[in-house]
Amino acid sequence: MSVVRPGLVIEGGYSFRMRSQELPVKPVLVRELIGESLREERVSQGKTLRDVSRKARVSLGYLSEVERGQKEASSELLAAICAALDLPLSVVLNVVSEKMAVYEGVTALPSVRSMAQAAA
């Protein structure tokens, strides 16, 4: 890790800004980003909560809580919701990763493949 200037760090081929310790920042939760991403996709497809809950075989109330980031969805439930939206889970996870990177101030995400090769 190398510090380019105070608050800007370069590591492993990508850069990110360190948040100041002085600023009280509410931590972002992955479940909130997942829910936000699922809701954005559902709305963009013009589907209702009822449509998706029926197709995913999950209660409407629980799906609503997942979308609002109040419930942590299991991988099985996420797969069912994604199937109901005709959307690969990998796409949702990539969108969540990009949103998290923005929050963390990462300016360029390394590819997953290159990270896996470097780790091997």
Protein backbone atom coordinates (compact mmCIF):
# COMPACT_ATOMS: atom_id res chain seq x y z
CA MET A 1 0.00 0.00 0.00
CA SER A 2 1.33 3.42 -0.87
CA VAL A 3 -0.11 6.77 0.11
CA VAL A 4 -0.03 9.13 -2.88
CA ARG A 5 -1.26 12.10 -0.87
CA PRO A 6 -3.09 12.28 2.44
CA GLY A 7 -6.28 10.31 2.10
CA LEU A 8 -5.47 8.76 -1.33
CA VAL A 9 -4.09 5.23 -1.32
CA ILE A 10 -2.89 3.05 -4.20
CA GLU A 11 -2.89 -0.70 -3.64
CA GLY A 12 -3.06 -3.69 -5.95
CA GLY A 13 -3.63 -1.62 -9.09
CA TYR A 14 -6.54 0.45 -7.86
CA SER A 15 -6.89 3.59 -5.81
CA PHE A 16 -9.23 4.62 -3.08
CA ARG A 17 -9.77 7.57 -0.77
CA MET A 18 -9.67 7.02 2.94
CA ARG A 19 -12.57 8.65 4.74
CA SER A 20 -11.67 11.17 7.38
CA GLN A 21 -12.02 9.85 10.90
CA GLU A 22 -13.61 13.17 11.86
CA LEU A 23 -16.70 12.75 9.69
CA PRO A 24 -19.47 10.70 11.27
CA VAL A 25 -20.58 8.51 8.36
CA LYS A 26 -23.34 5.95 8.67
CA PRO A 27 -21.86 2.65 7.50
CA VAL A 28 -23.46 1.28 4.38
CA LEU A 29 -24.87 -2.21 4.76
CA VAL A 30 -24.62 -4.76 1.97
CA ARG A 31 -28.22 -5.83 2.59
CA GLU A 32 -29.35 -2.24 1.92
CA LEU A 33 -27.44 -2.10 -1.36
CA ILE A 34 -28.82 -5.50 -2.42
CA GLY A 35 -32.36 -4.42 -1.61
CA GLU A 36 -31.94 -1.09 -3.39
CA SER A 37 -30.56 -2.84 -6.49
CA LEU A 38 -33.37 -5.40 -6.55
CA ARG A 39 -36.01 -2.70 -6.17
CA GLU A 40 -34.45 -0.58 -8.95
CA GLU A 41 -34.51 -3.58 -11.29
CA ARG A 42 -38.07 -4.55 -10.36
CA VAL A 43 -39.35 -1.02 -10.90
CA SER A 44 -37.43 -0.65 -14.19
CA GLN A 45 -39.17 -3.83 -15.42
CA GLY A 46 -42.56 -2.45 -14.40
CA LYS A 47 -43.19 -5.36 -12.04
CA THR A 48 -44.99 -5.07 -8.73
CA LEU A 49 -43.91 -6.54 -5.42
CA ARG A 50 -46.83 -8.94 -5.81
CA ASP A 51 -45.63 -10.10 -9.25
CA VAL A 52 -42.13 -10.86 -8.00
CA SER A 53 -43.22 -12.37 -4.69
CA ARG A 54 -45.53 -14.83 -6.47
CA LYS A 55 -42.91 -15.88 -9.00
CA ALA A 56 -40.14 -16.12 -6.37
CA ARG A 57 -42.49 -17.93 -3.93
CA VAL A 58 -41.72 -15.54 -1.08
CA SER A 59 -44.18 -13.51 0.97
CA LEU A 60 -44.85 -10.01 -0.24
CA GLY A 61 -44.00 -8.59 3.19
CA TYR A 62 -40.65 -10.37 3.36
CA LEU A 63 -39.73 -9.27 -0.18
CA SER A 64 -40.60 -5.71 0.78
CA GLU A 65 -38.33 -5.95 3.84
CA VAL A 66 -35.49 -7.30 1.69
CA GLU A 67 -35.90 -4.42 -0.77
CA ARG A 68 -35.85 -1.90 2.08
CA GLY A 69 -32.67 -3.47 3.48
CA GLN A 70 -34.38 -4.55 6.68
CA LYS A 71 -33.89 -8.29 6.16
CA GLU A 72 -30.76 -10.20 5.19
CA ALA A 73 -31.79 -12.48 2.33
CA SER A 74 -30.26 -15.95 2.04
CA SER A 75 -28.46 -16.93 -1.13
CA GLU A 76 -31.38 -19.21 -2.01
CA LEU A 77 -33.86 -16.37 -1.63
CA LEU A 78 -31.67 -14.01 -3.66
CA ALA A 79 -31.48 -16.63 -6.42
CA ALA A 80 -35.28 -17.00 -6.41
CA ILE A 81 -35.83 -13.23 -6.55
CA CYS A 82 -33.30 -12.87 -9.36
CA ALA A 83 -34.98 -15.72 -11.27
CA ALA A 84 -38.33 -13.96 -10.86
CA LEU A 85 -36.72 -10.85 -12.37
CA ASP A 86 -35.00 -12.86 -15.14
CA LEU A 87 -31.75 -11.39 -13.88
CA PRO A 88 -28.53 -13.27 -13.12
CA LEU A 89 -27.49 -13.06 -9.48
CA SER A 90 -23.98 -12.17 -10.66
CA VAL A 91 -25.34 -8.99 -12.24
CA VAL A 92 -26.99 -7.93 -8.98
CA LEU A 93 -23.79 -8.64 -7.05
CA ASN A 94 -21.74 -6.64 -9.57
CA VAL A 95 -24.11 -3.69 -9.24
CA VAL A 96 -23.86 -3.93 -5.44
CA SER A 97 -20.06 -4.08 -5.73
CA GLU A 98 -20.01 -0.94 -7.87
CA LYS A 99 -22.28 0.90 -5.42
CA MET A 100 -20.07 -0.16 -2.51
CA ALA A 101 -16.98 1.02 -4.41
CA VAL A 102 -18.56 4.46 -4.87
CA TYR A 103 -19.32 4.63 -1.17
CA GLU A 104 -15.76 3.56 -0.30
CA GLY A 105 -14.24 5.96 -2.80
CA VAL A 106 -12.60 3.25 -4.93
CA THR A 107 -11.89 4.81 -8.31
CA ALA A 108 -11.13 1.70 -10.38
CA LEU A 109 -12.22 -1.80 -9.47
CA PRO A 110 -9.83 -4.60 -10.30
CA SER A 111 -11.32 -7.47 -12.27
CA VAL A 112 -12.31 -10.49 -10.24
CA ARG A 113 -10.40 -12.76 -12.61
CA SER A 114 -7.11 -10.85 -12.19
CA MET A 115 -7.54 -10.80 -8.41
CA ALA A 116 -8.11 -14.58 -8.36
CA GLN A 117 -5.06 -15.17 -10.56
CA ALA A 118 -2.91 -12.94 -8.35
CA ALA A 119 -4.07 -14.83 -5.26
CA ALA A 120 -3.24 -18.24 -6.78
